[in-house]
Amino acid sequence: MKIFKKNQITILVISLMLIVSGYLNFTNNYKNVETSTLVSDRSDENIGDAQLVSTVPSENEEKKVEELASGKPIEESKKEETEETNSNVSSQDDYFISSKLDRNTMYSETLETYQEIYNNSNSTAEQKKEAMKKINEINNNKNAIMIAENLIIAKGFDDVVIFVNDGSISVVIRSDKLKEEQVAQIQNIVSRELNVNAEKIHISNK
């Protein structure tokens, strides 16, 4: 009887140990499954977040697209456009400056020639009279041209140069385009100040 009881106790203890071991194993597995589920849920959330990333191209991406289309960097293209604009402006400045300089140089040389004739003791009275007449004409033209150019600029034009050649007047305006009313204004000023008919005035823009 004692031996039987000992065996029963031993079996009971072993059974209890197996039950406890199974319970502990089950608990650990449940925790692992729950942890895995949480990780999976978080991964799903992250995947959802990734799908919400904006597909609008950034400023840098737009620049890259423009650069690929033009074949050169955007900054370089802008620099070339600025240089081209400055070059055009500089070319216009050079034209008006050099034209006025050449015109005034011609007047100065012509005046000097007539002045020498007038001051020359060998010149006849008639020659001196003619030389003085030319000197007065040139000075009057210079003054009339200066006044006309200033009045035209006062109308809002950037620059102008006027040439007088045997009664024909050439007027070059610094402007991309001239309207009819602007041409009429210029004609009136030049006609009045240089005392010439409108049909003898030729206006162009540059």
N, C-alpha and C. Protein backbone atom coordinates (compact mmCIF):
# COMPACT_ATOMS: atom_id res chain seq x y z
N MET A 1 0.83 -1.21 0.00
CA MET A 1 0.00 0.00 0.00
C MET A 1 0.86 1.25 0.00
N LYS A 2 1.87 1.31 0.79
CA LYS A 2 2.76 2.46 0.86
C LYS A 2 3.45 2.69 -0.47
N ILE A 3 3.86 1.58 -1.12
CA ILE A 3 4.54 1.70 -2.42
C ILE A 3 3.59 2.27 -3.45
N PHE A 4 2.34 1.81 -3.39
CA PHE A 4 1.32 2.29 -4.34
C PHE A 4 1.07 3.77 -4.16
N LYS A 5 1.01 4.21 -2.91
CA LYS A 5 0.78 5.62 -2.63
C LYS A 5 1.93 6.47 -3.11
N LYS A 6 3.16 5.96 -2.91
CA LYS A 6 4.32 6.72 -3.38
C LYS A 6 4.29 6.87 -4.90
N ASN A 7 3.90 5.79 -5.57
CA ASN A 7 3.84 5.86 -7.03
C ASN A 7 2.78 6.86 -7.48
N GLN A 8 1.64 6.84 -6.77
CA GLN A 8 0.58 7.78 -7.13
C GLN A 8 1.04 9.23 -6.94
N ILE A 9 1.73 9.44 -5.85
CA ILE A 9 2.22 10.80 -5.57
C ILE A 9 3.20 11.25 -6.64
N THR A 10 4.08 10.30 -7.02
CA THR A 10 5.08 10.64 -8.05
C THR A 10 4.41 10.97 -9.35
N ILE A 11 3.40 10.17 -9.73
CA ILE A 11 2.68 10.42 -10.99
C ILE A 11 1.95 11.75 -10.93
N LEU A 12 1.34 12.02 -9.76
CA LEU A 12 0.61 13.28 -9.59
C LEU A 12 1.53 14.48 -9.74
N VAL A 13 2.72 14.37 -9.11
CA VAL A 13 3.69 15.48 -9.19
C VAL A 13 4.13 15.72 -10.64
N ILE A 14 4.40 14.59 -11.34
CA ILE A 14 4.84 14.70 -12.74
C ILE A 14 3.74 15.33 -13.58
N SER A 15 2.46 14.93 -13.31
CA SER A 15 1.32 15.48 -14.06
C SER A 15 1.20 16.97 -13.83
N LEU A 16 1.36 17.34 -12.55
CA LEU A 16 1.29 18.77 -12.24
C LEU A 16 2.38 19.56 -12.94
N MET A 17 3.59 18.98 -12.97
CA MET A 17 4.72 19.65 -13.62
C MET A 17 4.45 19.83 -15.12
N LEU A 18 3.85 18.76 -15.74
CA LEU A 18 3.53 18.85 -17.17
C LEU A 18 2.48 19.92 -17.43
N ILE A 19 1.47 19.94 -16.52
CA ILE A 19 0.40 20.94 -16.69
C ILE A 19 0.96 22.35 -16.58
N VAL A 20 1.79 22.54 -15.51
CA VAL A 20 2.39 23.88 -15.32
C VAL A 20 3.27 24.25 -16.51
N SER A 21 4.07 23.28 -16.98
CA SER A 21 4.96 23.53 -18.13
C SER A 21 4.17 23.88 -19.38
N GLY A 22 3.05 23.16 -19.59
CA GLY A 22 2.21 23.43 -20.76
C GLY A 22 1.58 24.80 -20.67
N TYR A 23 1.16 25.17 -19.45
CA TYR A 23 0.54 26.49 -19.27
C TYR A 23 1.53 27.61 -19.55
N LEU A 24 2.75 27.43 -18.99
CA LEU A 24 3.79 28.44 -19.22
C LEU A 24 4.12 28.55 -20.70
N ASN A 25 4.22 27.43 -21.39
CA ASN A 25 4.54 27.42 -22.83
C ASN A 25 3.44 28.12 -23.63
N PHE A 26 2.17 27.82 -23.22
CA PHE A 26 1.05 28.45 -23.92
C PHE A 26 1.05 29.96 -23.73
N THR A 27 1.35 30.38 -22.48
CA THR A 27 1.39 31.82 -22.18
C THR A 27 2.46 32.53 -23.00
N ASN A 28 3.64 31.92 -23.07
CA ASN A 28 4.74 32.52 -23.86
C ASN A 28 4.38 32.62 -25.35
N ASN A 29 3.76 31.59 -25.89
CA ASN A 29 3.36 31.59 -27.30
C ASN A 29 2.34 32.69 -27.57
N TYR A 30 1.40 32.87 -26.62
CA TYR A 30 0.37 33.90 -26.77
C TYR A 30 0.98 35.29 -26.81
N LYS A 31 1.98 35.51 -25.93
CA LYS A 31 2.66 36.81 -25.91
C LYS A 31 3.41 37.06 -27.21
N ASN A 32 4.06 36.01 -27.72
CA ASN A 32 4.81 36.15 -28.99
C ASN A 32 3.87 36.51 -30.14
N VAL A 33 2.68 35.81 -30.13
CA VAL A 33 1.70 36.08 -31.19
C VAL A 33 1.20 37.50 -31.09
N GLU A 34 0.94 37.98 -29.88
CA GLU A 34 0.44 39.34 -29.68
C GLU A 34 1.48 40.37 -30.11
N THR A 35 2.75 40.10 -29.75
CA THR A 35 3.83 41.01 -30.13
C THR A 35 3.98 41.06 -31.64
N SER A 36 3.88 39.88 -32.28
CA SER A 36 3.99 39.82 -33.73
C SER A 36 2.87 40.61 -34.39
N THR A 37 1.67 40.52 -33.79
CA THR A 37 0.52 41.23 -34.34
C THR A 37 0.73 42.73 -34.26
N LEU A 38 1.27 43.19 -33.11
CA LEU A 38 1.52 44.63 -32.94
C LEU A 38 2.54 45.12 -33.96
N VAL A 39 3.61 44.36 -34.13
CA VAL A 39 4.64 44.73 -35.10
C VAL A 39 4.05 44.79 -36.49
N SER A 40 3.18 43.79 -36.80
CA SER A 40 2.55 43.76 -38.12
C SER A 40 1.66 44.97 -38.32
N ASP A 41 0.90 45.32 -37.25
CA ASP A 41 0.03 46.49 -37.33
C ASP A 41 0.83 47.74 -37.57
N ARG A 42 1.96 47.89 -36.87
CA ARG A 42 2.80 49.07 -37.05
C ARG A 42 3.37 49.12 -38.46
N SER A 43 3.76 47.94 -38.95
CA SER A 43 4.30 47.88 -40.31
C SER A 43 3.24 48.33 -41.31
N ASP A 44 1.98 47.87 -41.06
CA ASP A 44 0.91 48.28 -41.95
C ASP A 44 0.69 49.78 -41.90
N GLU A 45 0.80 50.37 -40.68
CA GLU A 45 0.65 51.81 -40.55
C GLU A 45 1.74 52.53 -41.32
N ASN A 46 2.96 52.04 -41.20
CA ASN A 46 4.08 52.67 -41.91
C ASN A 46 3.89 52.59 -43.41
N ILE A 47 3.35 51.43 -43.87
CA ILE A 47 3.10 51.28 -45.30
C ILE A 47 2.06 52.29 -45.75
N GLY A 48 1.05 52.47 -44.92
CA GLY A 48 0.03 53.46 -45.24
C GLY A 48 0.61 54.85 -45.30
N ASP A 49 1.51 55.18 -44.35
CA ASP A 49 2.15 56.50 -44.35
C ASP A 49 2.97 56.69 -45.61
N ALA A 50 3.65 55.66 -46.02
CA ALA A 50 4.51 55.75 -47.20
C ALA A 50 3.68 56.06 -48.43
N GLN A 51 2.46 55.60 -48.48
CA GLN A 51 1.61 55.86 -49.64
C GLN A 51 1.12 57.29 -49.68
N LEU A 52 1.21 58.00 -48.53
CA LEU A 52 0.74 59.38 -48.47
C LEU A 52 1.83 60.37 -48.81
N VAL A 53 3.02 59.95 -49.20
CA VAL A 53 4.11 60.86 -49.56
C VAL A 53 3.71 61.65 -50.79
N SER A 54 3.96 62.99 -50.77
CA SER A 54 3.55 63.87 -51.87
C SER A 54 4.30 63.53 -53.14
N THR A 55 3.54 63.53 -54.26
CA THR A 55 4.16 63.27 -55.56
C THR A 55 4.41 64.56 -56.34
N VAL A 56 4.12 65.73 -55.71
CA VAL A 56 4.38 67.01 -56.36
C VAL A 56 5.89 67.23 -56.44
N PRO A 57 6.45 67.53 -57.62
CA PRO A 57 7.90 67.70 -57.74
C PRO A 57 8.37 68.91 -56.97
N SER A 58 9.51 68.77 -56.32
CA SER A 58 10.09 69.88 -55.58
C SER A 58 10.69 70.89 -56.53
N GLU A 59 11.10 72.04 -55.98
CA GLU A 59 11.72 73.10 -56.82
C GLU A 59 12.99 72.60 -57.48
N ASN A 60 13.77 71.82 -56.74
CA ASN A 60 15.01 71.28 -57.31
C ASN A 60 14.72 70.33 -58.45
N GLU A 61 13.65 69.51 -58.29
CA GLU A 61 13.29 68.57 -59.35
C GLU A 61 12.84 69.32 -60.59
N GLU A 62 12.07 70.41 -60.40
CA GLU A 62 11.63 71.21 -61.55
C GLU A 62 12.82 71.81 -62.27
N LYS A 63 13.81 72.28 -61.49
CA LYS A 63 15.03 72.83 -62.10
C LYS A 63 15.73 71.79 -62.95
N LYS A 64 15.80 70.56 -62.40
CA LYS A 64 16.49 69.49 -63.15
C LYS A 64 15.78 69.20 -64.46
N VAL A 65 14.42 69.21 -64.42
CA VAL A 65 13.67 68.96 -65.64
C VAL A 65 13.93 70.05 -66.67
N GLU A 66 13.95 71.33 -66.22
CA GLU A 66 14.21 72.43 -67.14
C GLU A 66 15.62 72.35 -67.70
N GLU A 67 16.57 71.97 -66.84
CA GLU A 67 17.95 71.87 -67.30
C GLU A 67 18.08 70.78 -68.35
N LEU A 68 17.38 69.64 -68.14
CA LEU A 68 17.44 68.56 -69.11
C LEU A 68 16.83 69.00 -70.44
N ALA A 69 15.74 69.77 -70.36
CA ALA A 69 15.08 70.22 -71.59
C ALA A 69 15.93 71.21 -72.36
N SER A 70 16.62 72.12 -71.64
CA SER A 70 17.41 73.15 -72.32
C SER A 70 18.82 72.68 -72.65
N GLY A 71 19.26 71.64 -71.99
CA GLY A 71 20.60 71.13 -72.26
C GLY A 71 21.68 71.86 -71.51
N LYS A 72 21.29 72.82 -70.61
CA LYS A 72 22.30 73.54 -69.84
C LYS A 72 21.69 73.95 -68.50
N PRO A 73 22.51 74.19 -67.48
CA PRO A 73 22.01 74.56 -66.16
C PRO A 73 21.16 75.83 -66.22
N ILE A 74 20.15 75.90 -65.32
CA ILE A 74 19.25 77.05 -65.29
C ILE A 74 20.02 78.33 -65.01
N GLU A 75 20.92 78.30 -64.04
CA GLU A 75 21.68 79.51 -63.69
C GLU A 75 22.49 80.00 -64.87
N GLU A 76 23.05 79.05 -65.62
CA GLU A 76 23.85 79.42 -66.79
C GLU A 76 22.97 80.06 -67.86
N SER A 77 21.76 79.52 -68.05
CA SER A 77 20.84 80.07 -69.04
C SER A 77 20.44 81.49 -68.66
N LYS A 78 20.12 81.69 -67.37
CA LYS A 78 19.74 83.02 -66.91
C LYS A 78 20.90 84.00 -67.09
N LYS A 79 22.11 83.53 -66.82
CA LYS A 79 23.28 84.39 -66.97
C LYS A 79 23.46 84.80 -68.42
N GLU A 80 23.26 83.85 -69.34
CA GLU A 80 23.41 84.15 -70.76
C GLU A 80 22.34 85.14 -71.23
N GLU A 81 21.10 84.98 -70.73
CA GLU A 81 20.03 85.90 -71.10
C GLU A 81 20.34 87.31 -70.62
N THR A 82 20.85 87.41 -69.37
CA THR A 82 21.20 88.72 -68.82
C THR A 82 22.32 89.36 -69.62
N GLU A 83 23.34 88.55 -69.96
CA GLU A 83 24.47 89.07 -70.72
C GLU A 83 24.01 89.53 -72.10
N GLU A 84 23.08 88.78 -72.73
CA GLU A 84 22.58 89.15 -74.05
C GLU A 84 21.81 90.46 -73.98
N THR A 85 20.97 90.62 -72.93
CA THR A 85 20.21 91.86 -72.76
C THR A 85 21.15 93.04 -72.54
N ASN A 86 22.15 92.83 -71.65
CA ASN A 86 23.12 93.89 -71.40
C ASN A 86 23.90 94.25 -72.65
N SER A 87 24.20 93.22 -73.46
CA SER A 87 24.94 93.45 -74.69
C SER A 87 24.13 94.31 -75.66
N ASN A 88 22.80 94.02 -75.76
CA ASN A 88 21.94 94.80 -76.64
C ASN A 88 21.83 96.24 -76.17
N VAL A 89 21.68 96.42 -74.85
CA VAL A 89 21.60 97.77 -74.30
C VAL A 89 22.90 98.52 -74.54
N SER A 90 24.02 97.84 -74.31
CA SER A 90 25.32 98.45 -74.52
C SER A 90 25.52 98.83 -75.98
N SER A 91 25.06 97.99 -76.90
CA SER A 91 25.18 98.27 -78.33
C SER A 91 24.39 99.51 -78.70
N GLN A 92 23.18 99.66 -78.14
CA GLN A 92 22.37 100.84 -78.40
C GLN A 92 23.04 102.09 -77.84
N ASP A 93 23.56 101.98 -76.62
CA ASP A 93 24.26 103.11 -76.02
C ASP A 93 25.42 103.54 -76.90
N ASP A 94 26.20 102.57 -77.36
CA ASP A 94 27.36 102.85 -78.21
C ASP A 94 26.94 103.57 -79.48
N TYR A 95 25.82 103.14 -80.07
CA TYR A 95 25.38 103.76 -81.33
C TYR A 95 25.07 105.24 -81.13
N PHE A 96 24.25 105.56 -80.14
CA PHE A 96 23.83 106.95 -79.93
C PHE A 96 25.00 107.83 -79.47
N ILE A 97 25.85 107.28 -78.63
CA ILE A 97 27.01 108.04 -78.16
C ILE A 97 27.98 108.32 -79.29
N SER A 98 28.31 107.27 -80.03
CA SER A 98 29.28 107.44 -81.12
C SER A 98 28.72 108.30 -82.25
N SER A 99 27.40 108.18 -82.53
CA SER A 99 26.79 108.98 -83.59
C SER A 99 26.84 110.46 -83.26
N LYS A 100 26.51 110.79 -82.03
CA LYS A 100 26.56 112.20 -81.61
C LYS A 100 27.99 112.71 -81.60
N LEU A 101 28.91 111.86 -81.18
CA LEU A 101 30.32 112.27 -81.15
C LEU A 101 30.83 112.52 -82.56
N ASP A 102 30.51 111.63 -83.49
CA ASP A 102 30.94 111.80 -84.88
C ASP A 102 30.33 113.06 -85.49
N ARG A 103 29.05 113.28 -85.20
CA ARG A 103 28.37 114.47 -85.74
C ARG A 103 29.00 115.76 -85.20
N ASN A 104 29.24 115.80 -83.91
CA ASN A 104 29.83 117.00 -83.31
C ASN A 104 31.27 117.22 -83.77
N THR A 105 31.98 116.11 -83.97
CA THR A 105 33.35 116.22 -84.49
C THR A 105 33.35 116.82 -85.90
N MET A 106 32.39 116.37 -86.72
CA MET A 106 32.28 116.91 -88.08
C MET A 106 31.97 118.40 -88.05
N TYR A 107 31.04 118.81 -87.17
CA TYR A 107 30.72 120.23 -87.05
C TYR A 107 31.94 121.04 -86.60
N SER A 108 32.66 120.49 -85.64
CA SER A 108 33.83 121.21 -85.12
C SER A 108 34.89 121.40 -86.20
N GLU A 109 35.14 120.35 -86.98
CA GLU A 109 36.14 120.43 -88.05
C GLU A 109 35.70 121.41 -89.14
N THR A 110 34.38 121.39 -89.46
CA THR A 110 33.87 122.31 -90.48
C THR A 110 33.96 123.76 -89.99
N LEU A 111 33.60 123.97 -88.73
CA LEU A 111 33.69 125.32 -88.16
C LEU A 111 35.13 125.83 -88.16
N GLU A 112 36.04 124.92 -87.83
CA GLU A 112 37.46 125.29 -87.81
C GLU A 112 37.93 125.71 -89.21
N THR A 113 37.47 125.00 -90.21
CA THR A 113 37.86 125.33 -91.59
C THR A 113 37.36 126.71 -92.00
N TYR A 114 36.08 127.00 -91.72
CA TYR A 114 35.53 128.31 -92.08
C TYR A 114 36.14 129.42 -91.23
N GLN A 115 36.50 129.08 -90.01
CA GLN A 115 37.13 130.08 -89.14
C GLN A 115 38.50 130.47 -89.68
N GLU A 116 39.22 129.49 -90.20
CA GLU A 116 40.53 129.78 -90.78
C GLU A 116 40.40 130.66 -92.02
N ILE A 117 39.37 130.36 -92.81
CA ILE A 117 39.13 131.19 -94.01
C ILE A 117 38.81 132.63 -93.59
N TYR A 118 37.98 132.77 -92.60
CA TYR A 118 37.58 134.11 -92.16
C TYR A 118 38.76 134.88 -91.58
N ASN A 119 39.64 134.19 -90.86
CA ASN A 119 40.77 134.85 -90.22
C ASN A 119 41.98 135.02 -91.15
N ASN A 120 41.93 134.40 -92.28
CA ASN A 120 43.06 134.47 -93.21
C ASN A 120 43.10 135.86 -93.87
N SER A 121 44.25 136.48 -93.76
CA SER A 121 44.40 137.83 -94.33
C SER A 121 44.34 137.81 -95.84
N ASN A 122 44.59 136.66 -96.44
CA ASN A 122 44.55 136.56 -97.90
C ASN A 122 43.14 136.33 -98.43
N SER A 123 42.21 136.06 -97.56
CA SER A 123 40.83 135.82 -98.00
C SER A 123 40.19 137.15 -98.43
N THR A 124 39.40 137.07 -99.47
CA THR A 124 38.70 138.25 -99.95
C THR A 124 37.52 138.56 -99.04
N ALA A 125 36.94 139.70 -99.19
CA ALA A 125 35.80 140.10 -98.39
C ALA A 125 34.61 139.18 -98.65
N GLU A 126 34.48 138.78 -99.90
CA GLU A 126 33.39 137.86 -100.25
C GLU A 126 33.58 136.50 -99.59
N GLN A 127 34.83 136.03 -99.58
CA GLN A 127 35.12 134.74 -98.96
C GLN A 127 34.86 134.80 -97.45
N LYS A 128 35.27 135.90 -96.85
CA LYS A 128 35.05 136.06 -95.42
C LYS A 128 33.55 136.13 -95.10
N LYS A 129 32.81 136.82 -95.96
CA LYS A 129 31.37 136.93 -95.77
C LYS A 129 30.71 135.55 -95.86
N GLU A 130 31.12 134.75 -96.85
CA GLU A 130 30.57 133.41 -97.01
C GLU A 130 30.96 132.50 -95.86
N ALA A 131 32.21 132.61 -95.39
CA ALA A 131 32.68 131.80 -94.27
C ALA A 131 31.88 132.11 -93.01
N MET A 132 31.63 133.41 -92.76
CA MET A 132 30.85 133.79 -91.58
C MET A 132 29.41 133.29 -91.69
N LYS A 133 28.86 133.31 -92.91
CA LYS A 133 27.51 132.80 -93.12
C LYS A 133 27.43 131.31 -92.76
N LYS A 134 28.42 130.52 -93.19
CA LYS A 134 28.45 129.09 -92.91
C LYS A 134 28.63 128.84 -91.41
N ILE A 135 29.48 129.66 -90.79
CA ILE A 135 29.70 129.49 -89.34
C ILE A 135 28.39 129.71 -88.58
N ASN A 136 27.65 130.72 -88.96
CA ASN A 136 26.37 130.99 -88.30
C ASN A 136 25.36 129.87 -88.55
N GLU A 137 25.33 129.36 -89.77
CA GLU A 137 24.40 128.27 -90.11
C GLU A 137 24.70 127.02 -89.27
N ILE A 138 26.00 126.70 -89.17
CA ILE A 138 26.38 125.50 -88.40
C ILE A 138 26.02 125.68 -86.93
N ASN A 139 26.33 126.83 -86.37
CA ASN A 139 26.01 127.06 -84.95
C ASN A 139 24.51 127.04 -84.71
N ASN A 140 23.76 127.60 -85.65
CA ASN A 140 22.29 127.59 -85.51
C ASN A 140 21.76 126.15 -85.59
N ASN A 141 22.31 125.36 -86.51
CA ASN A 141 21.89 123.95 -86.62
C ASN A 141 22.22 123.17 -85.36
N LYS A 142 23.41 123.40 -84.83
CA LYS A 142 23.82 122.71 -83.59
C LYS A 142 22.87 123.03 -82.44
N ASN A 143 22.54 124.30 -82.29
CA ASN A 143 21.63 124.71 -81.21
C ASN A 143 20.23 124.15 -81.42
N ALA A 144 19.76 124.19 -82.68
CA ALA A 144 18.41 123.68 -82.98
C ALA A 144 18.35 122.17 -82.74
N ILE A 145 19.40 121.46 -83.14
CA ILE A 145 19.45 120.00 -82.93
C ILE A 145 19.45 119.68 -81.44
N MET A 146 20.25 120.42 -80.68
CA MET A 146 20.32 120.16 -79.24
C MET A 146 18.97 120.38 -78.57
N ILE A 147 18.29 121.47 -78.95
CA ILE A 147 16.97 121.76 -78.38
C ILE A 147 15.96 120.68 -78.77
N ALA A 148 15.95 120.30 -80.05
CA ALA A 148 15.00 119.30 -80.54
C ALA A 148 15.22 117.95 -79.84
N GLU A 149 16.48 117.55 -79.71
CA GLU A 149 16.78 116.26 -79.05
C GLU A 149 16.32 116.29 -77.59
N ASN A 150 16.56 117.39 -76.90
CA ASN A 150 16.14 117.50 -75.49
C ASN A 150 14.62 117.47 -75.36
N LEU A 151 13.93 118.12 -76.29
CA LEU A 151 12.46 118.12 -76.25
C LEU A 151 11.89 116.73 -76.53
N ILE A 152 12.52 116.01 -77.45
CA ILE A 152 12.06 114.65 -77.77
C ILE A 152 12.28 113.73 -76.57
N ILE A 153 13.43 113.82 -75.93
CA ILE A 153 13.70 113.00 -74.74
C ILE A 153 12.72 113.34 -73.63
N ALA A 154 12.34 114.62 -73.54
CA ALA A 154 11.37 115.05 -72.53
C ALA A 154 10.00 114.41 -72.74
N LYS A 155 9.74 113.92 -73.96
CA LYS A 155 8.48 113.24 -74.24
C LYS A 155 8.46 111.79 -73.75
N GLY A 156 9.59 111.36 -73.20
CA GLY A 156 9.63 110.01 -72.62
C GLY A 156 10.50 109.02 -73.36
N PHE A 157 11.21 109.47 -74.40
CA PHE A 157 12.10 108.56 -75.14
C PHE A 157 13.46 108.49 -74.45
N ASP A 158 14.07 107.32 -74.54
CA ASP A 158 15.35 107.10 -73.86
C ASP A 158 16.49 107.90 -74.50
N ASP A 159 16.51 107.96 -75.82
CA ASP A 159 17.59 108.70 -76.50
C ASP A 159 17.19 108.98 -77.94
N VAL A 160 17.89 109.94 -78.56
CA VAL A 160 17.61 110.32 -79.94
C VAL A 160 18.85 110.98 -80.51
N VAL A 161 19.04 110.80 -81.80
CA VAL A 161 20.11 111.50 -82.50
C VAL A 161 19.56 112.03 -83.82
N ILE A 162 19.88 113.30 -84.13
CA ILE A 162 19.37 113.96 -85.33
C ILE A 162 20.52 114.32 -86.25
N PHE A 163 20.34 114.00 -87.54
CA PHE A 163 21.34 114.33 -88.55
C PHE A 163 20.70 115.27 -89.58
N VAL A 164 21.45 116.32 -89.95
CA VAL A 164 20.99 117.27 -90.97
C VAL A 164 21.91 117.13 -92.18
N ASN A 165 21.31 116.89 -93.35
CA ASN A 165 22.11 116.71 -94.56
C ASN A 165 21.41 117.35 -95.75
N ASP A 166 21.88 118.55 -96.12
CA ASP A 166 21.33 119.27 -97.28
C ASP A 166 19.81 119.43 -97.20
N GLY A 167 19.33 119.85 -96.05
CA GLY A 167 17.90 120.10 -95.89
C GLY A 167 17.08 118.88 -95.54
N SER A 168 17.67 117.69 -95.64
CA SER A 168 16.97 116.46 -95.25
C SER A 168 17.35 116.11 -93.81
N ILE A 169 16.36 115.79 -93.01
CA ILE A 169 16.59 115.52 -91.58
C ILE A 169 16.33 114.05 -91.28
N SER A 170 17.31 113.41 -90.69
CA SER A 170 17.15 112.01 -90.24
C SER A 170 17.10 111.99 -88.71
N VAL A 171 16.07 111.35 -88.18
CA VAL A 171 15.89 111.27 -86.73
C VAL A 171 15.84 109.79 -86.33
N VAL A 172 16.75 109.39 -85.46
CA VAL A 172 16.80 108.00 -84.98
C VAL A 172 16.41 108.00 -83.51
N ILE A 173 15.35 107.27 -83.18
CA ILE A 173 14.82 107.21 -81.82
C ILE A 173 15.21 105.88 -81.19
N ARG A 174 15.63 105.95 -79.96
CA ARG A 174 15.89 104.70 -79.22
C ARG A 174 14.56 104.19 -78.65
N SER A 175 13.98 103.22 -79.36
CA SER A 175 12.68 102.67 -78.96
C SER A 175 12.44 101.38 -79.73
N ASP A 176 11.76 100.43 -79.09
CA ASP A 176 11.45 99.17 -79.76
C ASP A 176 10.40 99.38 -80.85
N LYS A 177 9.47 100.29 -80.59
CA LYS A 177 8.39 100.53 -81.55
C LYS A 177 7.89 101.95 -81.38
N LEU A 178 7.52 102.56 -82.49
CA LEU A 178 6.99 103.92 -82.47
C LEU A 178 5.52 103.91 -82.88
N LYS A 179 4.69 104.57 -82.07
CA LYS A 179 3.28 104.71 -82.40
C LYS A 179 3.10 105.93 -83.32
N GLU A 180 1.95 105.97 -83.99
CA GLU A 180 1.69 107.05 -84.93
C GLU A 180 1.69 108.41 -84.24
N GLU A 181 1.09 108.46 -83.06
CA GLU A 181 1.05 109.74 -82.35
C GLU A 181 2.44 110.19 -81.90
N GLN A 182 3.31 109.21 -81.61
CA GLN A 182 4.68 109.55 -81.23
C GLN A 182 5.44 110.11 -82.44
N VAL A 183 5.25 109.49 -83.59
CA VAL A 183 5.89 109.98 -84.82
C VAL A 183 5.43 111.41 -85.10
N ALA A 184 4.15 111.68 -84.90
CA ALA A 184 3.61 113.03 -85.14
C ALA A 184 4.24 114.04 -84.19
N GLN A 185 4.41 113.65 -82.92
CA GLN A 185 5.04 114.54 -81.94
C GLN A 185 6.47 114.88 -82.36
N ILE A 186 7.22 113.85 -82.77
CA ILE A 186 8.62 114.05 -83.17
C ILE A 186 8.70 114.95 -84.39
N GLN A 187 7.82 114.73 -85.36
CA GLN A 187 7.81 115.56 -86.57
C GLN A 187 7.55 117.02 -86.23
N ASN A 188 6.60 117.28 -85.35
CA ASN A 188 6.26 118.65 -84.96
C ASN A 188 7.44 119.34 -84.30
N ILE A 189 8.12 118.63 -83.41
CA ILE A 189 9.27 119.22 -82.71
C ILE A 189 10.40 119.55 -83.68
N VAL A 190 10.76 118.58 -84.52
CA VAL A 190 11.88 118.77 -85.45
C VAL A 190 11.54 119.84 -86.48
N SER A 191 10.32 119.81 -86.99
CA SER A 191 9.89 120.78 -88.00
C SER A 191 9.95 122.19 -87.43
N ARG A 192 9.52 122.37 -86.21
CA ARG A 192 9.49 123.69 -85.59
C ARG A 192 10.89 124.19 -85.26
N GLU A 193 11.71 123.35 -84.65
CA GLU A 193 13.01 123.79 -84.17
C GLU A 193 14.04 123.94 -85.30
N LEU A 194 13.96 123.09 -86.33
CA LEU A 194 14.92 123.17 -87.42
C LEU A 194 14.35 123.86 -88.66
N ASN A 195 13.09 124.30 -88.55
CA ASN A 195 12.45 125.08 -89.60
C ASN A 195 12.48 124.34 -90.95
N VAL A 196 11.97 123.12 -90.95
CA VAL A 196 11.88 122.31 -92.18
C VAL A 196 10.48 121.73 -92.29
N ASN A 197 10.08 121.38 -93.51
CA ASN A 197 8.78 120.76 -93.74
C ASN A 197 8.79 119.31 -93.25
N ALA A 198 7.61 118.80 -92.84
CA ALA A 198 7.49 117.46 -92.28
C ALA A 198 7.91 116.38 -93.27
N GLU A 199 7.68 116.63 -94.59
CA GLU A 199 8.03 115.60 -95.59
C GLU A 199 9.53 115.41 -95.73
N LYS A 200 10.31 116.35 -95.23
CA LYS A 200 11.77 116.23 -95.30
C LYS A 200 12.36 115.53 -94.07
N ILE A 201 11.47 115.17 -93.14
CA ILE A 201 11.91 114.54 -91.88
C ILE A 201 11.70 113.05 -91.97
N HIS A 202 12.76 112.29 -91.76
CA HIS A 202 12.70 110.82 -91.83
C HIS A 202 12.99 110.25 -90.43
N ILE A 203 12.00 109.56 -89.90
CA ILE A 203 12.11 109.06 -88.52
C ILE A 203 12.20 107.54 -88.52
N SER A 204 13.13 107.03 -87.72
CA SER A 204 13.29 105.57 -87.57
C SER A 204 13.61 105.27 -86.11
N ASN A 205 13.45 104.03 -85.75
CA ASN A 205 13.75 103.61 -84.36
C ASN A 205 14.87 102.59 -84.34
N LYS A 206 15.53 102.51 -83.22
CA LYS A 206 16.64 101.56 -83.07
C LYS A 206 16.66 101.04 -81.64
